[in-house]
PDB file of N, CA and C in Angstrom:
ATOM      1  N   UNK A   1      -1.146  69.264  -7.698  1.00  0.00           N
ATOM      2  CA  UNK A   1      -1.821  68.138  -8.275  1.00  0.00           C
ATOM      3  C   UNK A   1      -2.349  67.265  -7.136  1.00  0.00           C
ATOM      4  N   UNK A   2      -3.593  66.855  -7.215  1.00  0.00           N
ATOM      5  CA  UNK A   2      -4.132  65.996  -6.164  1.00  0.00           C
ATOM      6  C   UNK A   2      -3.436  64.635  -6.167  1.00  0.00           C
ATOM      7  N   UNK A   3      -3.345  64.017  -4.999  1.00  0.00           N
ATOM      8  CA  UNK A   3      -2.702  62.707  -4.925  1.00  0.00           C
ATOM      9  C   UNK A   3      -3.682  61.572  -5.189  1.00  0.00           C
ATOM     10  N   UNK A   4      -4.938  61.906  -5.449  1.00  0.00           N
ATOM     11  CA  UNK A   4      -5.933  60.932  -5.857  1.00  0.00           C
ATOM     12  C   UNK A   4      -7.007  61.673  -6.642  1.00  0.00           C
ATOM     13  N   UNK A   5      -7.894  60.947  -7.267  1.00  0.00           N
ATOM     14  CA  UNK A   5      -8.955  61.581  -8.062  1.00  0.00           C
ATOM     15  C   UNK A   5      -9.852  62.399  -7.133  1.00  0.00           C
ATOM     16  N   UNK A   6      -9.931  63.709  -7.337  1.00  0.00           N
ATOM     17  CA  UNK A   6     -10.773  64.527  -6.453  1.00  0.00           C
ATOM     18  C   UNK A   6     -12.254  64.293  -6.736  1.00  0.00           C
ATOM     19  N   UNK A   7     -13.091  64.565  -5.740  1.00  0.00           N
ATOM     20  CA  UNK A   7     -14.526  64.431  -5.977  1.00  0.00           C
ATOM     21  C   UNK A   7     -15.004  65.504  -6.950  1.00  0.00           C
ATOM     22  N   UNK A   8     -16.134  65.290  -7.507  1.00  0.00           N
ATOM     23  CA  UNK A   8     -16.719  66.255  -8.431  1.00  0.00           C
ATOM     24  C   UNK A   8     -16.911  67.599  -7.726  1.00  0.00           C
ATOM     25  N   UNK A   9     -16.583  68.709  -8.370  1.00  0.00           N
ATOM     26  CA  UNK A   9     -16.719  70.018  -7.728  1.00  0.00           C
ATOM     27  C   UNK A   9     -18.135  70.349  -7.274  1.00  0.00           C
ATOM     28  N   UNK A  10     -19.133  69.734  -7.880  1.00  0.00           N
ATOM     29  CA  UNK A  10     -20.498  70.050  -7.482  1.00  0.00           C
ATOM     30  C   UNK A  10     -20.906  69.391  -6.167  1.00  0.00           C
ATOM     31  N   UNK A  11     -20.087  68.475  -5.635  1.00  0.00           N
ATOM     32  CA  UNK A  11     -20.405  67.860  -4.355  1.00  0.00           C
ATOM     33  C   UNK A  11     -19.505  68.347  -3.224  1.00  0.00           C
ATOM     34  N   UNK A  12     -18.481  69.107  -3.550  1.00  0.00           N
ATOM     35  CA  UNK A  12     -17.541  69.579  -2.544  1.00  0.00           C
ATOM     36  C   UNK A  12     -17.982  70.947  -2.047  1.00  0.00           C
ATOM     37  N   UNK A  13     -18.213  71.058  -0.750  1.00  0.00           N
ATOM     38  CA  UNK A  13     -18.580  72.348  -0.177  1.00  0.00           C
ATOM     39  C   UNK A  13     -17.396  73.003   0.505  1.00  0.00           C
ATOM     40  N   UNK A  14     -16.504  72.231   1.052  1.00  0.00           N
ATOM     41  CA  UNK A  14     -15.271  72.778   1.616  1.00  0.00           C
ATOM     42  C   UNK A  14     -14.189  71.713   1.503  1.00  0.00           C
ATOM     43  N   UNK A  15     -12.955  72.150   1.481  1.00  0.00           N
ATOM     44  CA  UNK A  15     -11.856  71.219   1.347  1.00  0.00           C
ATOM     45  C   UNK A  15     -10.586  71.858   1.882  1.00  0.00           C
ATOM     46  N   UNK A  16      -9.575  71.034   2.097  1.00  0.00           N
ATOM     47  CA  UNK A  16      -8.291  71.501   2.582  1.00  0.00           C
ATOM     48  C   UNK A  16      -7.227  71.136   1.570  1.00  0.00           C
ATOM     49  N   UNK A  17      -6.280  72.024   1.399  1.00  0.00           N
ATOM     50  CA  UNK A  17      -5.192  71.804   0.458  1.00  0.00           C
ATOM     51  C   UNK A  17      -3.889  71.851   1.245  1.00  0.00           C
ATOM     52  N   UNK A  18      -3.052  70.837   1.068  1.00  0.00           N
ATOM     53  CA  UNK A  18      -1.714  70.823   1.643  1.00  0.00           C
ATOM     54  C   UNK A  18      -0.754  70.920   0.465  1.00  0.00           C
ATOM     55  N   UNK A  19       0.174  71.851   0.525  1.00  0.00           N
ATOM     56  CA  UNK A  19       1.097  72.019  -0.580  1.00  0.00           C
ATOM     57  C   UNK A  19       2.451  72.455  -0.065  1.00  0.00           C
ATOM     58  N   UNK A  20       3.457  72.387  -0.941  1.00  0.00           N
ATOM     59  CA  UNK A  20       4.806  72.795  -0.608  1.00  0.00           C
ATOM     60  C   UNK A  20       5.265  73.778  -1.663  1.00  0.00           C
ATOM     61  N   UNK A  21       5.832  74.899  -1.222  1.00  0.00           N
ATOM     62  CA  UNK A  21       6.327  75.873  -2.197  1.00  0.00           C
ATOM     63  C   UNK A  21       7.787  75.576  -2.535  1.00  0.00           C
ATOM     64  N   UNK A  22       8.417  76.435  -3.314  1.00  0.00           N
ATOM     65  CA  UNK A  22       9.796  76.190  -3.762  1.00  0.00           C
ATOM     66  C   UNK A  22      10.809  76.185  -2.628  1.00  0.00           C
ATOM     67  N   UNK A  23      10.462  76.731  -1.474  1.00  0.00           N
ATOM     68  CA  UNK A  23      11.379  76.712  -0.333  1.00  0.00           C
ATOM     69  C   UNK A  23      11.317  75.380   0.392  1.00  0.00           C
ATOM     70  N   UNK A  24      10.374  74.534   0.035  1.00  0.00           N
ATOM     71  CA  UNK A  24      10.220  73.243   0.685  1.00  0.00           C
ATOM     72  C   UNK A  24       9.346  73.300   1.919  1.00  0.00           C
ATOM     73  N   UNK A  25       8.870  74.485   2.250  1.00  0.00           N
ATOM     74  CA  UNK A  25       8.027  74.644   3.433  1.00  0.00           C
ATOM     75  C   UNK A  25       6.623  74.113   3.146  1.00  0.00           C
ATOM     76  N   UNK A  26       6.139  73.270   4.029  1.00  0.00           N
ATOM     77  CA  UNK A  26       4.803  72.715   3.880  1.00  0.00           C
ATOM     78  C   UNK A  26       3.773  73.742   4.333  1.00  0.00           C
ATOM     79  N   UNK A  27       2.703  73.879   3.590  1.00  0.00           N
ATOM     80  CA  UNK A  27       1.666  74.864   3.901  1.00  0.00           C
ATOM     81  C   UNK A  27       0.299  74.206   3.861  1.00  0.00           C
ATOM     82  N   UNK A  28      -0.658  74.866   4.412  1.00  0.00           N
ATOM     83  CA  UNK A  28      -2.012  74.338   4.504  1.00  0.00           C
ATOM     84  C   UNK A  28      -2.993  75.463   4.194  1.00  0.00           C
ATOM     85  N   UNK A  29      -4.037  75.159   3.479  1.00  0.00           N
ATOM     86  CA  UNK A  29      -5.044  76.147   3.139  1.00  0.00           C
ATOM     87  C   UNK A  29      -6.412  75.477   3.206  1.00  0.00           C
ATOM     88  N   UNK A  30      -7.371  76.147   3.818  1.00  0.00           N
ATOM     89  CA  UNK A  30      -8.747  75.652   3.828  1.00  0.00           C
ATOM     90  C   UNK A  30      -9.585  76.561   2.955  1.00  0.00           C
ATOM     91  N   UNK A  31     -10.506  75.980   2.236  1.00  0.00           N
ATOM     92  CA  UNK A  31     -11.349  76.768   1.355  1.00  0.00           C
ATOM     93  C   UNK A  31     -12.792  76.310   1.481  1.00  0.00           C
ATOM     94  N   UNK A  32     -13.678  77.248   1.324  1.00  0.00           N
ATOM     95  CA  UNK A  32     -15.088  76.932   1.244  1.00  0.00           C
ATOM     96  C   UNK A  32     -15.567  77.385  -0.120  1.00  0.00           C
ATOM     97  N   UNK A  33     -16.286  76.541  -0.759  1.00  0.00           N
ATOM     98  CA  UNK A  33     -16.751  76.815  -2.112  1.00  0.00           C
ATOM     99  C   UNK A  33     -18.254  77.050  -2.091  1.00  0.00           C
ATOM    100  N   UNK A  34     -18.665  78.101  -2.728  1.00  0.00           N
ATOM    101  CA  UNK A  34     -20.090  78.361  -2.864  1.00  0.00           C
ATOM    102  C   UNK A  34     -20.410  78.255  -4.346  1.00  0.00           C
ATOM    103  N   UNK A  35     -21.277  77.353  -4.662  1.00  0.00           N
ATOM    104  CA  UNK A  35     -21.644  77.177  -6.062  1.00  0.00           C
ATOM    105  C   UNK A  35     -22.741  78.160  -6.441  1.00  0.00           C
ATOM    106  N   UNK A  36     -22.493  78.859  -7.501  1.00  0.00           N
ATOM    107  CA  UNK A  36     -23.475  79.810  -8.014  1.00  0.00           C
ATOM    108  C   UNK A  36     -23.980  79.280  -9.344  1.00  0.00           C
ATOM    109  N   UNK A  37     -24.903  78.393  -9.289  1.00  0.00           N
ATOM    110  CA  UNK A  37     -25.414  77.811 -10.518  1.00  0.00           C
ATOM    111  C   UNK A  37     -24.906  76.399 -10.677  1.00  0.00           C
ATOM    112  N   UNK A  38     -24.908  75.917 -11.892  1.00  0.00           N
ATOM    113  CA  UNK A  38     -24.546  74.539 -12.166  1.00  0.00           C
ATOM    114  C   UNK A  38     -23.087  74.446 -12.587  1.00  0.00           C
ATOM    115  N   UNK A  39     -22.459  73.352 -12.197  1.00  0.00           N
ATOM    116  CA  UNK A  39     -21.085  73.082 -12.595  1.00  0.00           C
ATOM    117  C   UNK A  39     -21.042  72.805 -14.092  1.00  0.00           C
ATOM    118  N   UNK A  40     -20.035  73.355 -14.762  1.00  0.00           N
ATOM    119  CA  UNK A  40     -19.909  73.128 -16.197  1.00  0.00           C
ATOM    120  C   UNK A  40     -18.494  72.664 -16.500  1.00  0.00           C
ATOM    121  N   UNK A  41     -18.386  71.596 -17.230  1.00  0.00           N
ATOM    122  CA  UNK A  41     -17.080  71.087 -17.628  1.00  0.00           C
ATOM    123  C   UNK A  41     -16.721  71.635 -18.994  1.00  0.00           C
ATOM    124  N   UNK A  42     -15.442  71.881 -19.162  1.00  0.00           N
ATOM    125  CA  UNK A  42     -14.926  72.331 -20.454  1.00  0.00           C
ATOM    126  C   UNK A  42     -14.465  71.082 -21.191  1.00  0.00           C
ATOM    127  N   UNK A  43     -15.189  70.700 -22.221  1.00  0.00           N
ATOM    128  CA  UNK A  43     -14.896  69.460 -22.939  1.00  0.00           C
ATOM    129  C   UNK A  43     -14.398  69.697 -24.362  1.00  0.00           C
ATOM    130  N   UNK A  44     -14.439  70.942 -24.806  1.00  0.00           N
ATOM    131  CA  UNK A  44     -14.021  71.212 -26.178  1.00  0.00           C
ATOM    132  C   UNK A  44     -13.560  72.671 -26.305  1.00  0.00           C
ATOM    133  N   UNK A  45     -12.966  72.971 -27.427  1.00  0.00           N
ATOM    134  CA  UNK A  45     -12.539  74.341 -27.683  1.00  0.00           C
ATOM    135  C   UNK A  45     -13.750  75.286 -27.747  1.00  0.00           C
ATOM    136  N   UNK A  46     -14.855  74.801 -28.266  1.00  0.00           N
ATOM    137  CA  UNK A  46     -16.075  75.621 -28.306  1.00  0.00           C
ATOM    138  C   UNK A  46     -16.557  75.948 -26.890  1.00  0.00           C
ATOM    139  N   UNK A  47     -16.496  74.961 -25.989  1.00  0.00           N
ATOM    140  CA  UNK A  47     -16.859  75.215 -24.591  1.00  0.00           C
ATOM    141  C   UNK A  47     -15.939  76.271 -23.991  1.00  0.00           C
ATOM    142  N   UNK A  48     -14.647  76.130 -24.238  1.00  0.00           N
ATOM    143  CA  UNK A  48     -13.664  77.075 -23.706  1.00  0.00           C
ATOM    144  C   UNK A  48     -13.972  78.484 -24.209  1.00  0.00           C
ATOM    145  N   UNK A  49     -14.223  78.605 -25.503  1.00  0.00           N
ATOM    146  CA  UNK A  49     -14.503  79.923 -26.081  1.00  0.00           C
ATOM    147  C   UNK A  49     -15.769  80.532 -25.493  1.00  0.00           C
ATOM    148  N   UNK A  50     -16.818  79.739 -25.387  1.00  0.00           N
ATOM    149  CA  UNK A  50     -18.102  80.297 -24.949  1.00  0.00           C
ATOM    150  C   UNK A  50     -18.200  80.466 -23.439  1.00  0.00           C
ATOM    151  N   UNK A  51     -17.540  79.610 -22.671  1.00  0.00           N
ATOM    152  CA  UNK A  51     -17.657  79.685 -21.220  1.00  0.00           C
ATOM    153  C   UNK A  51     -16.521  80.467 -20.574  1.00  0.00           C
ATOM    154  N   UNK A  52     -15.302  80.166 -20.942  1.00  0.00           N
ATOM    155  CA  UNK A  52     -14.152  80.788 -20.293  1.00  0.00           C
ATOM    156  C   UNK A  52     -13.842  82.156 -20.900  1.00  0.00           C
ATOM    157  N   UNK A  53     -13.645  82.193 -22.198  1.00  0.00           N
ATOM    158  CA  UNK A  53     -13.255  83.464 -22.825  1.00  0.00           C
ATOM    159  C   UNK A  53     -14.344  84.524 -22.696  1.00  0.00           C
ATOM    160  N   UNK A  54     -15.574  84.097 -22.747  1.00  0.00           N
ATOM    161  CA  UNK A  54     -16.684  85.036 -22.582  1.00  0.00           C
ATOM    162  C   UNK A  54     -16.650  85.671 -21.185  1.00  0.00           C
ATOM    163  N   UNK A  55     -16.361  84.857 -20.164  1.00  0.00           N
ATOM    164  CA  UNK A  55     -16.286  85.371 -18.796  1.00  0.00           C
ATOM    165  C   UNK A  55     -15.072  86.266 -18.599  1.00  0.00           C
ATOM    166  N   UNK A  56     -13.960  85.922 -19.237  1.00  0.00           N
ATOM    167  CA  UNK A  56     -12.772  86.779 -19.162  1.00  0.00           C
ATOM    168  C   UNK A  56     -13.084  88.141 -19.761  1.00  0.00           C
ATOM    169  N   UNK A  57     -13.740  88.158 -20.893  1.00  0.00           N
ATOM    170  CA  UNK A  57     -14.090  89.422 -21.544  1.00  0.00           C
ATOM    171  C   UNK A  57     -15.015  90.255 -20.667  1.00  0.00           C
ATOM    172  N   UNK A  58     -15.965  89.608 -19.993  1.00  0.00           N
ATOM    173  CA  UNK A  58     -16.885  90.333 -19.117  1.00  0.00           C
ATOM    174  C   UNK A  58     -16.161  91.009 -17.968  1.00  0.00           C
ATOM    175  N   UNK A  59     -15.092  90.382 -17.489  1.00  0.00           N
ATOM    176  CA  UNK A  59     -14.375  90.901 -16.329  1.00  0.00           C
ATOM    177  C   UNK A  59     -13.191  91.791 -16.707  1.00  0.00           C
ATOM    178  N   UNK A  60     -12.906  91.893 -17.976  1.00  0.00           N
ATOM    179  CA  UNK A  60     -11.795  92.703 -18.447  1.00  0.00           C
ATOM    180  C   UNK A  60     -12.166  94.188 -18.437  1.00  0.00           C
ATOM    181  N   UNK A  61     -11.219  95.030 -18.083  1.00  0.00           N
ATOM    182  CA  UNK A  61     -11.456  96.475 -18.094  1.00  0.00           C
ATOM    183  C   UNK A  61     -11.861  96.973 -19.475  1.00  0.00           C
ATOM    184  N   UNK A  62     -11.308  96.368 -20.494  1.00  0.00           N
ATOM    185  CA  UNK A  62     -11.591  96.795 -21.872  1.00  0.00           C
ATOM    186  C   UNK A  62     -12.611  95.916 -22.573  1.00  0.00           C
ATOM    187  N   UNK A  63     -13.071  94.885 -21.892  1.00  0.00           N
ATOM    188  CA  UNK A  63     -14.034  93.981 -22.510  1.00  0.00           C
ATOM    189  C   UNK A  63     -13.435  93.110 -23.582  1.00  0.00           C
ATOM    190  N   UNK A  64     -12.109  92.926 -23.505  1.00  0.00           N
ATOM    191  CA  UNK A  64     -11.443  92.123 -24.527  1.00  0.00           C
ATOM    192  C   UNK A  64     -10.728  90.937 -23.889  1.00  0.00           C
ATOM    193  N   UNK A  65     -10.321  90.027 -24.725  1.00  0.00           N
ATOM    194  CA  UNK A  65      -9.629  88.818 -24.284  1.00  0.00           C
ATOM    195  C   UNK A  65      -8.172  88.937 -24.702  1.00  0.00           C
ATOM    196  N   UNK A  66      -7.230  88.772 -23.772  1.00  0.00           N
ATOM    197  CA  UNK A  66      -5.820  88.804 -24.152  1.00  0.00           C
ATOM    198  C   UNK A  66      -5.518  87.739 -25.208  1.00  0.00           C
ATOM    199  N   UNK A  67      -4.729  88.087 -26.185  1.00  0.00           N
ATOM    200  CA  UNK A  67      -4.464  87.177 -27.311  1.00  0.00           C
ATOM    201  C   UNK A  67      -3.717  85.924 -26.883  1.00  0.00           C
ATOM    202  N   UNK A  68      -2.998  85.963 -25.766  1.00  0.00           N
ATOM    203  CA  UNK A  68      -2.223  84.805 -25.340  1.00  0.00           C
ATOM    204  C   UNK A  68      -3.069  83.765 -24.596  1.00  0.00           C
ATOM    205  N   UNK A  69      -4.326  84.050 -24.335  1.00  0.00           N
ATOM    206  CA  UNK A  69      -5.187  83.070 -23.675  1.00  0.00           C
ATOM    207  C   UNK A  69      -6.009  82.352 -24.739  1.00  0.00           C
ATOM    208  N   UNK A  70      -5.575  81.136 -25.022  1.00  0.00           N
ATOM    209  CA  UNK A  70      -6.262  80.314 -26.014  1.00  0.00           C
ATOM    210  C   UNK A  70      -6.448  78.903 -25.437  1.00  0.00           C
ATOM    211  N   UNK A  71      -7.327  78.186 -26.000  1.00  0.00           N
ATOM    212  CA  UNK A  71      -7.587  76.801 -25.592  1.00  0.00           C
ATOM    213  C   UNK A  71      -6.312  75.967 -25.687  1.00  0.00           C
ATOM    214  N   UNK A  72      -5.625  76.067 -26.809  1.00  0.00           N
ATOM    215  CA  UNK A  72      -4.401  75.293 -27.017  1.00  0.00           C
ATOM    216  C   UNK A  72      -3.328  75.651 -26.005  1.00  0.00           C
ATOM    217  N   UNK A  73      -3.169  76.939 -25.716  1.00  0.00           N
ATOM    218  CA  UNK A  73      -2.136  77.350 -24.761  1.00  0.00           C
ATOM    219  C   UNK A  73      -2.472  76.905 -23.340  1.00  0.00           C
ATOM    220  N   UNK A  74      -3.738  76.902 -22.982  1.00  0.00           N
ATOM    221  CA  UNK A  74      -4.130  76.407 -21.661  1.00  0.00           C
ATOM    222  C   UNK A  74      -3.869  74.907 -21.575  1.00  0.00           C
ATOM    223  N   UNK A  75      -4.150  74.166 -22.626  1.00  0.00           N
ATOM    224  CA  UNK A  75      -3.845  72.735 -22.638  1.00  0.00           C
ATOM    225  C   UNK A  75      -2.342  72.491 -22.521  1.00  0.00           C
ATOM    226  N   UNK A  76      -1.543  73.271 -23.241  1.00  0.00           N
ATOM    227  CA  UNK A  76      -0.090  73.135 -23.164  1.00  0.00           C
ATOM    228  C   UNK A  76       0.418  73.425 -21.757  1.00  0.00           C
ATOM    229  N   UNK A  77      -0.079  74.489 -21.157  1.00  0.00           N
ATOM    230  CA  UNK A  77       0.334  74.847 -19.805  1.00  0.00           C
ATOM    231  C   UNK A  77      -0.052  73.766 -18.804  1.00  0.00           C
ATOM    232  N   UNK A  78      -1.258  73.246 -18.912  1.00  0.00           N
ATOM    233  CA  UNK A  78      -1.682  72.194 -17.985  1.00  0.00           C
ATOM    234  C   UNK A  78      -0.827  70.939 -18.168  1.00  0.00           C
ATOM    235  N   UNK A  79      -0.436  70.636 -19.390  1.00  0.00           N
ATOM    236  CA  UNK A  79       0.439  69.487 -19.639  1.00  0.00           C
ATOM    237  C   UNK A  79       1.828  69.720 -19.044  1.00  0.00           C
ATOM    238  N   UNK A  80       2.352  70.937 -19.168  1.00  0.00           N
ATOM    239  CA  UNK A  80       3.648  71.265 -18.554  1.00  0.00           C
ATOM    240  C   UNK A  80       3.595  71.108 -17.045  1.00  0.00           C
ATOM    241  N   UNK A  81       2.512  71.588 -16.440  1.00  0.00           N
ATOM    242  CA  UNK A  81       2.359  71.472 -14.999  1.00  0.00           C
ATOM    243  C   UNK A  81       2.269  70.008 -14.595  1.00  0.00           C
ATOM    244  N   UNK A  82       1.464  69.249 -15.301  1.00  0.00           N
ATOM    245  CA  UNK A  82       1.308  67.835 -15.028  1.00  0.00           C
ATOM    246  C   UNK A  82       2.661  67.115 -15.131  1.00  0.00           C
ATOM    247  N   UNK A  83       3.415  67.422 -16.179  1.00  0.00           N
ATOM    248  CA  UNK A  83       4.714  66.789 -16.389  1.00  0.00           C
ATOM    249  C   UNK A  83       5.729  67.197 -15.327  1.00  0.00           C
ATOM    250  N   UNK A  84       5.631  68.411 -14.833  1.00  0.00           N
ATOM    251  CA  UNK A  84       6.587  68.881 -13.831  1.00  0.00           C
ATOM    252  C   UNK A  84       6.475  68.070 -12.544  1.00  0.00           C
ATOM    253  N   UNK A  85       5.323  67.488 -12.278  1.00  0.00           N
ATOM    254  CA  UNK A  85       5.142  66.690 -11.072  1.00  0.00           C
ATOM    255  C   UNK A  85       5.678  65.268 -11.240  1.00  0.00           C
ATOM    256  N   UNK A  86       5.886  64.843 -12.466  1.00  0.00           N
ATOM    257  CA  UNK A  86       6.384  63.488 -12.692  1.00  0.00           C
ATOM    258  C   UNK A  86       7.881  63.475 -12.949  1.00  0.00           C
ATOM    259  N   UNK A  87       8.495  64.625 -13.192  1.00  0.00           N
ATOM    260  CA  UNK A  87       9.935  64.712 -13.428  1.00  0.00           C
ATOM    261  C   UNK A  87      10.659  64.875 -12.103  1.00  0.00           C
ATOM    262  N   UNK A  88      11.795  64.271 -12.017  1.00  0.00           N
ATOM    263  CA  UNK A  88      12.590  64.414 -10.790  1.00  0.00           C
ATOM    264  C   UNK A  88      13.991  64.750 -11.083  1.00  0.00           C
TER     265      UNK A  88
END
């Protein structure tokens, strides 16, 4: 989780990530981002279905979407992750 509001992804060309794994060891990663087209935000379940699930299906060996990947489950997972950073 970022320690402050990150800049919009469409303006970031490279960035550095500092993180700690379960061993407590501090790590560092640098990334360069290449934008291929326009940035798109997922603002609704319809966006998720048309943008995310469609891309998953395109990249799937069978052209299908795993049943466990749903908008609601992704929201639940993101909430669990968010909450894990506030619990001590």
